């Protein structure tokens, strides 16, 4: 569906047309809120509040950017306001979220993909919320640096620098995760030195 047409329908009084935006962007809105606040219940409240703000302020949406960018900026601002004091601090106590079942018919591929997703989620959960959000927006949701800047309110140069640093931290944690996983595997199987 054409988003501009949908916006016009909502502004013309067809409020049920707003359901398209809720259905289309619910998952990413939840991801952003969860990455920032770290709590599913708070994230659900933040997303609901964000959709309400978007609906009430739809008249201010300018079609010079994508609706998703505009909405994600609202979600981001709402979540930051909700958890301002903890925004850029690390949170090490969380467990990885459950990995949803994948749609592939190949069980081995499903398991491998689920393990990769779980590993990435575990690493992101142990990073600062800001870094995890930037990596999620840029790599997992394929937003451009410009879009990430609009969503987060950072300038593009700052996004690039923070992404560079976040990638470095992610690589270090991935290396440590894989090294620990290998040691654990070697210990469980009785294999010495990974051989």
C-alpha atoms as a PDB file:
ATOM      1  CA  UNK A   1       0.000   0.000   0.000  1.00  0.00           C
ATOM      2  CA  UNK A   2       1.192   3.516  -0.782  1.00  0.00           C
ATOM      3  CA  UNK A   3       2.046   5.148   2.543  1.00  0.00           C
ATOM      4  CA  UNK A   4       1.187   8.663   1.386  1.00  0.00           C
ATOM      5  CA  UNK A   5      -2.263   7.471   0.349  1.00  0.00           C
ATOM      6  CA  UNK A   6      -2.699   5.719   3.693  1.00  0.00           C
ATOM      7  CA  UNK A   7      -1.703   8.887   5.558  1.00  0.00           C
ATOM      8  CA  UNK A   8      -4.226  10.868   3.521  1.00  0.00           C
ATOM      9  CA  UNK A   9      -6.946   8.309   4.302  1.00  0.00           C
ATOM     10  CA  UNK A  10      -6.277   8.594   8.032  1.00  0.00           C
ATOM     11  CA  UNK A  11      -6.228  12.395   7.861  1.00  0.00           C
ATOM     12  CA  UNK A  12      -9.514  12.295   5.925  1.00  0.00           C
ATOM     13  CA  UNK A  13     -11.215  10.449   8.764  1.00  0.00           C
ATOM     14  CA  UNK A  14     -10.593   6.782   7.908  1.00  0.00           C
ATOM     15  CA  UNK A  15      -8.862   6.047  11.199  1.00  0.00           C
ATOM     16  CA  UNK A  16      -8.905   2.297  10.574  1.00  0.00           C
ATOM     17  CA  UNK A  17      -6.319   2.861   7.810  1.00  0.00           C
ATOM     18  CA  UNK A  18      -3.788   3.558  10.584  1.00  0.00           C
ATOM     19  CA  UNK A  19      -3.827  -0.191  11.323  1.00  0.00           C
ATOM     20  CA  UNK A  20      -1.610  -0.625   8.248  1.00  0.00           C
ATOM     21  CA  UNK A  21       1.174   1.316   9.972  1.00  0.00           C
ATOM     22  CA  UNK A  22       0.748  -0.596  13.221  1.00  0.00           C
ATOM     23  CA  UNK A  23       0.931  -3.973  11.461  1.00  0.00           C
ATOM     24  CA  UNK A  24       3.818  -2.972   9.200  1.00  0.00           C
ATOM     25  CA  UNK A  25       6.115  -1.367  11.778  1.00  0.00           C
ATOM     26  CA  UNK A  26       5.166  -3.070  15.057  1.00  0.00           C
ATOM     27  CA  UNK A  27       8.155  -5.443  15.183  1.00  0.00           C
ATOM     28  CA  UNK A  28      10.846  -2.837  14.571  1.00  0.00           C
ATOM     29  CA  UNK A  29       9.169  -0.340  16.892  1.00  0.00           C
ATOM     30  CA  UNK A  30       9.241  -3.005  19.597  1.00  0.00           C
ATOM     31  CA  UNK A  31      12.890  -3.808  18.829  1.00  0.00           C
ATOM     32  CA  UNK A  32      13.898  -0.154  19.189  1.00  0.00           C
ATOM     33  CA  UNK A  33      11.975   0.295  22.431  1.00  0.00           C
ATOM     34  CA  UNK A  34      13.298  -2.969  23.867  1.00  0.00           C
ATOM     35  CA  UNK A  35      16.901  -2.129  22.939  1.00  0.00           C
ATOM     36  CA  UNK A  36      16.618   1.189  24.747  1.00  0.00           C
ATOM     37  CA  UNK A  37      14.620   0.293  27.851  1.00  0.00           C
ATOM     38  CA  UNK A  38      15.606  -3.376  28.211  1.00  0.00           C
ATOM     39  CA  UNK A  39      12.244  -4.412  29.607  1.00  0.00           C
ATOM     40  CA  UNK A  40       9.481  -6.015  27.528  1.00  0.00           C
ATOM     41  CA  UNK A  41       6.604  -4.520  29.534  1.00  0.00           C
ATOM     42  CA  UNK A  42       8.063  -1.011  29.336  1.00  0.00           C
ATOM     43  CA  UNK A  43       8.810  -1.515  25.638  1.00  0.00           C
ATOM     44  CA  UNK A  44       5.182  -2.462  24.960  1.00  0.00           C
ATOM     45  CA  UNK A  45       4.014   0.667  26.795  1.00  0.00           C
ATOM     46  CA  UNK A  46       6.516   2.793  24.871  1.00  0.00           C
ATOM     47  CA  UNK A  47       5.379   1.392  21.511  1.00  0.00           C
ATOM     48  CA  UNK A  48       1.720   1.932  22.366  1.00  0.00           C
ATOM     49  CA  UNK A  49       2.425   5.499  23.485  1.00  0.00           C
ATOM     50  CA  UNK A  50       4.476   6.092  20.327  1.00  0.00           C
ATOM     51  CA  UNK A  51       1.675   4.950  18.044  1.00  0.00           C
ATOM     52  CA  UNK A  52      -0.718   7.219  19.900  1.00  0.00           C
ATOM     53  CA  UNK A  53       1.683  10.155  19.435  1.00  0.00           C
ATOM     54  CA  UNK A  54       2.105   9.297  15.751  1.00  0.00           C
ATOM     55  CA  UNK A  55      -1.652   9.142  15.258  1.00  0.00           C
ATOM     56  CA  UNK A  56      -2.247  12.445  17.033  1.00  0.00           C
ATOM     57  CA  UNK A  57       0.563  14.169  15.125  1.00  0.00           C
ATOM     58  CA  UNK A  58       0.075  12.552  11.725  1.00  0.00           C
ATOM     59  CA  UNK A  59      -0.780  15.965  10.287  1.00  0.00           C
ATOM     60  CA  UNK A  60       2.838  17.002  10.942  1.00  0.00           C
ATOM     61  CA  UNK A  61       4.304  14.097   8.934  1.00  0.00           C
ATOM     62  CA  UNK A  62       6.119  15.419   5.871  1.00  0.00           C
ATOM     63  CA  UNK A  63       6.528  13.010   2.994  1.00  0.00           C
ATOM     64  CA  UNK A  64      10.148  14.064   2.452  1.00  0.00           C
ATOM     65  CA  UNK A  65      11.194  11.096   4.616  1.00  0.00           C
ATOM     66  CA  UNK A  66       9.793   7.606   4.966  1.00  0.00           C
ATOM     67  CA  UNK A  67       6.961   7.071   7.420  1.00  0.00           C
ATOM     68  CA  UNK A  68       9.052   4.395   9.154  1.00  0.00           C
ATOM     69  CA  UNK A  69      11.867   6.878   9.824  1.00  0.00           C
ATOM     70  CA  UNK A  70       9.382   9.364  11.287  1.00  0.00           C
ATOM     71  CA  UNK A  71       7.690   6.712  13.435  1.00  0.00           C
ATOM     72  CA  UNK A  72      10.963   5.187  14.651  1.00  0.00           C
ATOM     73  CA  UNK A  73      12.110   8.659  15.690  1.00  0.00           C
ATOM     74  CA  UNK A  74       8.957   8.973  17.807  1.00  0.00           C
ATOM     75  CA  UNK A  75       9.581   5.524  19.329  1.00  0.00           C
ATOM     76  CA  UNK A  76      13.216   6.416  19.986  1.00  0.00           C
ATOM     77  CA  UNK A  77      12.368   9.745  21.645  1.00  0.00           C
ATOM     78  CA  UNK A  78       9.633   8.178  23.751  1.00  0.00           C
ATOM     79  CA  UNK A  79      11.933   5.369  24.884  1.00  0.00           C
ATOM     80  CA  UNK A  80      14.816   7.730  25.663  1.00  0.00           C
ATOM     81  CA  UNK A  81      12.527   9.976  27.673  1.00  0.00           C
ATOM     82  CA  UNK A  82      11.322   6.894  29.524  1.00  0.00           C
ATOM     83  CA  UNK A  83      14.844   5.662  30.333  1.00  0.00           C
ATOM     84  CA  UNK A  84      17.078   8.717  29.943  1.00  0.00           C
ATOM     85  CA  UNK A  85      19.417   7.984  32.844  1.00  0.00           C
ATOM     86  CA  UNK A  86      20.365   4.521  31.552  1.00  0.00           C
ATOM     87  CA  UNK A  87      20.591   5.236  27.810  1.00  0.00           C
ATOM     88  CA  UNK A  88      24.298   4.696  27.139  1.00  0.00           C
ATOM     89  CA  UNK A  89      25.242   2.418  30.030  1.00  0.00           C
ATOM     90  CA  UNK A  90      25.846  -1.299  29.684  1.00  0.00           C
ATOM     91  CA  UNK A  91      23.316  -3.765  31.070  1.00  0.00           C
ATOM     92  CA  UNK A  92      24.884  -7.148  31.728  1.00  0.00           C
ATOM     93  CA  UNK A  93      22.118  -8.855  33.689  1.00  0.00           C
ATOM     94  CA  UNK A  94      19.660  -9.632  30.912  1.00  0.00           C
ATOM     95  CA  UNK A  95      19.042 -13.007  29.390  1.00  0.00           C
ATOM     96  CA  UNK A  96      18.734 -13.443  25.639  1.00  0.00           C
ATOM     97  CA  UNK A  97      15.242 -13.221  24.245  1.00  0.00           C
ATOM     98  CA  UNK A  98      13.616 -16.337  22.980  1.00  0.00           C
ATOM     99  CA  UNK A  99      14.399 -16.957  19.346  1.00  0.00           C
ATOM    100  CA  UNK A 100      11.224 -17.337  17.292  1.00  0.00           C
ATOM    101  CA  UNK A 101      10.859 -20.325  15.019  1.00  0.00           C
ATOM    102  CA  UNK A 102      12.060 -19.731  11.484  1.00  0.00           C
ATOM    103  CA  UNK A 103       9.980 -20.596   8.451  1.00  0.00           C
ATOM    104  CA  UNK A 104      12.520 -22.754   6.609  1.00  0.00           C
ATOM    105  CA  UNK A 105      11.621 -26.392   5.936  1.00  0.00           C
ATOM    106  CA  UNK A 106      15.198 -27.526   6.656  1.00  0.00           C
ATOM    107  CA  UNK A 107      15.479 -28.272  10.411  1.00  0.00           C
ATOM    108  CA  UNK A 108      19.290 -28.084  10.391  1.00  0.00           C
ATOM    109  CA  UNK A 109      19.178 -24.684   8.714  1.00  0.00           C
ATOM    110  CA  UNK A 110      16.489 -23.570  11.156  1.00  0.00           C
ATOM    111  CA  UNK A 111      18.638 -24.598  14.091  1.00  0.00           C
ATOM    112  CA  UNK A 112      21.765 -22.950  12.683  1.00  0.00           C
ATOM    113  CA  UNK A 113      19.933 -19.694  11.975  1.00  0.00           C
ATOM    114  CA  UNK A 114      18.295 -19.748  15.412  1.00  0.00           C
ATOM    115  CA  UNK A 115      21.701 -20.278  17.047  1.00  0.00           C
ATOM    116  CA  UNK A 116      23.212 -17.394  15.072  1.00  0.00           C
ATOM    117  CA  UNK A 117      20.322 -15.117  15.976  1.00  0.00           C
ATOM    118  CA  UNK A 118      20.559 -16.124  19.635  1.00  0.00           C
ATOM    119  CA  UNK A 119      24.314 -15.473  19.631  1.00  0.00           C
ATOM    120  CA  UNK A 120      23.871 -12.020  18.067  1.00  0.00           C
ATOM    121  CA  UNK A 121      21.060 -11.222  20.503  1.00  0.00           C
ATOM    122  CA  UNK A 122      23.170 -12.299  23.487  1.00  0.00           C
ATOM    123  CA  UNK A 123      26.074 -10.137  22.348  1.00  0.00           C
ATOM    124  CA  UNK A 124      23.844  -7.120  21.658  1.00  0.00           C
ATOM    125  CA  UNK A 125      22.141  -7.553  25.036  1.00  0.00           C
ATOM    126  CA  UNK A 126      25.513  -7.238  26.762  1.00  0.00           C
ATOM    127  CA  UNK A 127      26.493  -4.080  24.886  1.00  0.00           C
ATOM    128  CA  UNK A 128      25.428  -0.574  25.787  1.00  0.00           C
ATOM    129  CA  UNK A 129      21.865   0.058  24.717  1.00  0.00           C
ATOM    130  CA  UNK A 130      22.917   2.873  22.406  1.00  0.00           C
ATOM    131  CA  UNK A 131      25.500   0.755  20.595  1.00  0.00           C
ATOM    132  CA  UNK A 132      23.098  -2.169  20.302  1.00  0.00           C
ATOM    133  CA  UNK A 133      20.411   0.094  18.873  1.00  0.00           C
ATOM    134  CA  UNK A 134      22.758   1.583  16.273  1.00  0.00           C
ATOM    135  CA  UNK A 135      23.905  -1.873  15.137  1.00  0.00           C
ATOM    136  CA  UNK A 136      20.315  -3.115  15.014  1.00  0.00           C
ATOM    137  CA  UNK A 137      19.085  -0.158  12.964  1.00  0.00           C
ATOM    138  CA  UNK A 138      22.026  -0.176  10.558  1.00  0.00           C
ATOM    139  CA  UNK A 139      22.748  -3.875  10.063  1.00  0.00           C
ATOM    140  CA  UNK A 140      19.609  -5.759  10.994  1.00  0.00           C
ATOM    141  CA  UNK A 141      17.057  -3.279   9.684  1.00  0.00           C
ATOM    142  CA  UNK A 142      19.184  -1.946   6.790  1.00  0.00           C
ATOM    143  CA  UNK A 143      18.659   1.735   7.539  1.00  0.00           C
ATOM    144  CA  UNK A 144      21.127   4.146   5.983  1.00  0.00           C
ATOM    145  CA  UNK A 145      23.420   6.292   8.131  1.00  0.00           C
ATOM    146  CA  UNK A 146      21.201   9.246   7.267  1.00  0.00           C
ATOM    147  CA  UNK A 147      18.070   7.409   8.459  1.00  0.00           C
ATOM    148  CA  UNK A 148      19.802   6.232  11.643  1.00  0.00           C
ATOM    149  CA  UNK A 149      20.802   9.847  12.286  1.00  0.00           C
ATOM    150  CA  UNK A 150      17.194  10.991  11.878  1.00  0.00           C
ATOM    151  CA  UNK A 151      15.882   8.241  14.145  1.00  0.00           C
ATOM    152  CA  UNK A 152      18.434   8.783  16.917  1.00  0.00           C
ATOM    153  CA  UNK A 153      18.873  12.536  16.629  1.00  0.00           C
ATOM    154  CA  UNK A 154      22.627  12.166  16.230  1.00  0.00           C
ATOM    155  CA  UNK A 155      24.422  13.824  13.337  1.00  0.00           C
ATOM    156  CA  UNK A 156      25.660  11.562  10.523  1.00  0.00           C
ATOM    157  CA  UNK A 157      29.332  11.881  11.509  1.00  0.00           C
ATOM    158  CA  UNK A 158      28.506  10.903  15.061  1.00  0.00           C
ATOM    159  CA  UNK A 159      26.515   7.889  13.812  1.00  0.00           C
ATOM    160  CA  UNK A 160      29.503   6.772  11.723  1.00  0.00           C
ATOM    161  CA  UNK A 161      31.909   7.114  14.651  1.00  0.00           C
ATOM    162  CA  UNK A 162      29.562   5.343  17.063  1.00  0.00           C
ATOM    163  CA  UNK A 163      28.931   2.572  14.508  1.00  0.00           C
ATOM    164  CA  UNK A 164      32.678   2.119  14.066  1.00  0.00           C
ATOM    165  CA  UNK A 165      33.173   1.819  17.817  1.00  0.00           C
ATOM    166  CA  UNK A 166      30.113  -0.408  18.233  1.00  0.00           C
ATOM    167  CA  UNK A 167      31.364  -2.748  15.483  1.00  0.00           C
ATOM    168  CA  UNK A 168      34.713  -2.979  17.245  1.00  0.00           C
ATOM    169  CA  UNK A 169      33.050  -3.854  20.559  1.00  0.00           C
ATOM    170  CA  UNK A 170      30.757  -6.343  18.804  1.00  0.00           C
ATOM    171  CA  UNK A 171      33.721  -8.051  17.100  1.00  0.00           C
ATOM    172  CA  UNK A 172      35.587  -8.341  20.400  1.00  0.00           C
ATOM    173  CA  UNK A 173      32.552  -9.786  22.138  1.00  0.00           C
ATOM    174  CA  UNK A 174      31.859 -12.137  19.235  1.00  0.00           C
ATOM    175  CA  UNK A 175      35.438 -13.381  19.380  1.00  0.00           C
ATOM    176  CA  UNK A 176      35.184 -13.906  23.150  1.00  0.00           C
ATOM    177  CA  UNK A 177      31.787 -15.580  22.778  1.00  0.00           C
ATOM    178  CA  UNK A 178      33.079 -17.989  20.154  1.00  0.00           C
ATOM    179  CA  UNK A 179      36.256 -18.664  22.125  1.00  0.00           C
ATOM    180  CA  UNK A 180      34.253 -19.418  25.282  1.00  0.00           C
ATOM    181  CA  UNK A 181      31.796 -21.539  23.305  1.00  0.00           C
ATOM    182  CA  UNK A 182      34.714 -23.486  21.815  1.00  0.00           C
ATOM    183  CA  UNK A 183      36.299 -24.018  25.252  1.00  0.00           C
ATOM    184  CA  UNK A 184      32.948 -25.163  26.615  1.00  0.00           C
ATOM    185  CA  UNK A 185      32.489 -27.546  23.698  1.00  0.00           C
ATOM    186  CA  UNK A 186      36.035 -28.909  24.084  1.00  0.00           C
ATOM    187  CA  UNK A 187      35.515 -29.404  27.814  1.00  0.00           C
ATOM    188  CA  UNK A 188      32.178 -31.189  27.296  1.00  0.00           C
ATOM    189  CA  UNK A 189      33.548 -33.529  24.608  1.00  0.00           C
ATOM    190  CA  UNK A 190      36.953 -34.108  26.208  1.00  0.00           C
ATOM    191  CA  UNK A 191      38.785 -32.671  23.194  1.00  0.00           C
ATOM    192  CA  UNK A 192      41.955 -30.817  24.173  1.00  0.00           C
ATOM    193  CA  UNK A 193      43.015 -27.461  22.700  1.00  0.00           C
ATOM    194  CA  UNK A 194      40.197 -27.512  20.158  1.00  0.00           C
ATOM    195  CA  UNK A 195      41.581 -30.593  18.362  1.00  0.00           C
END
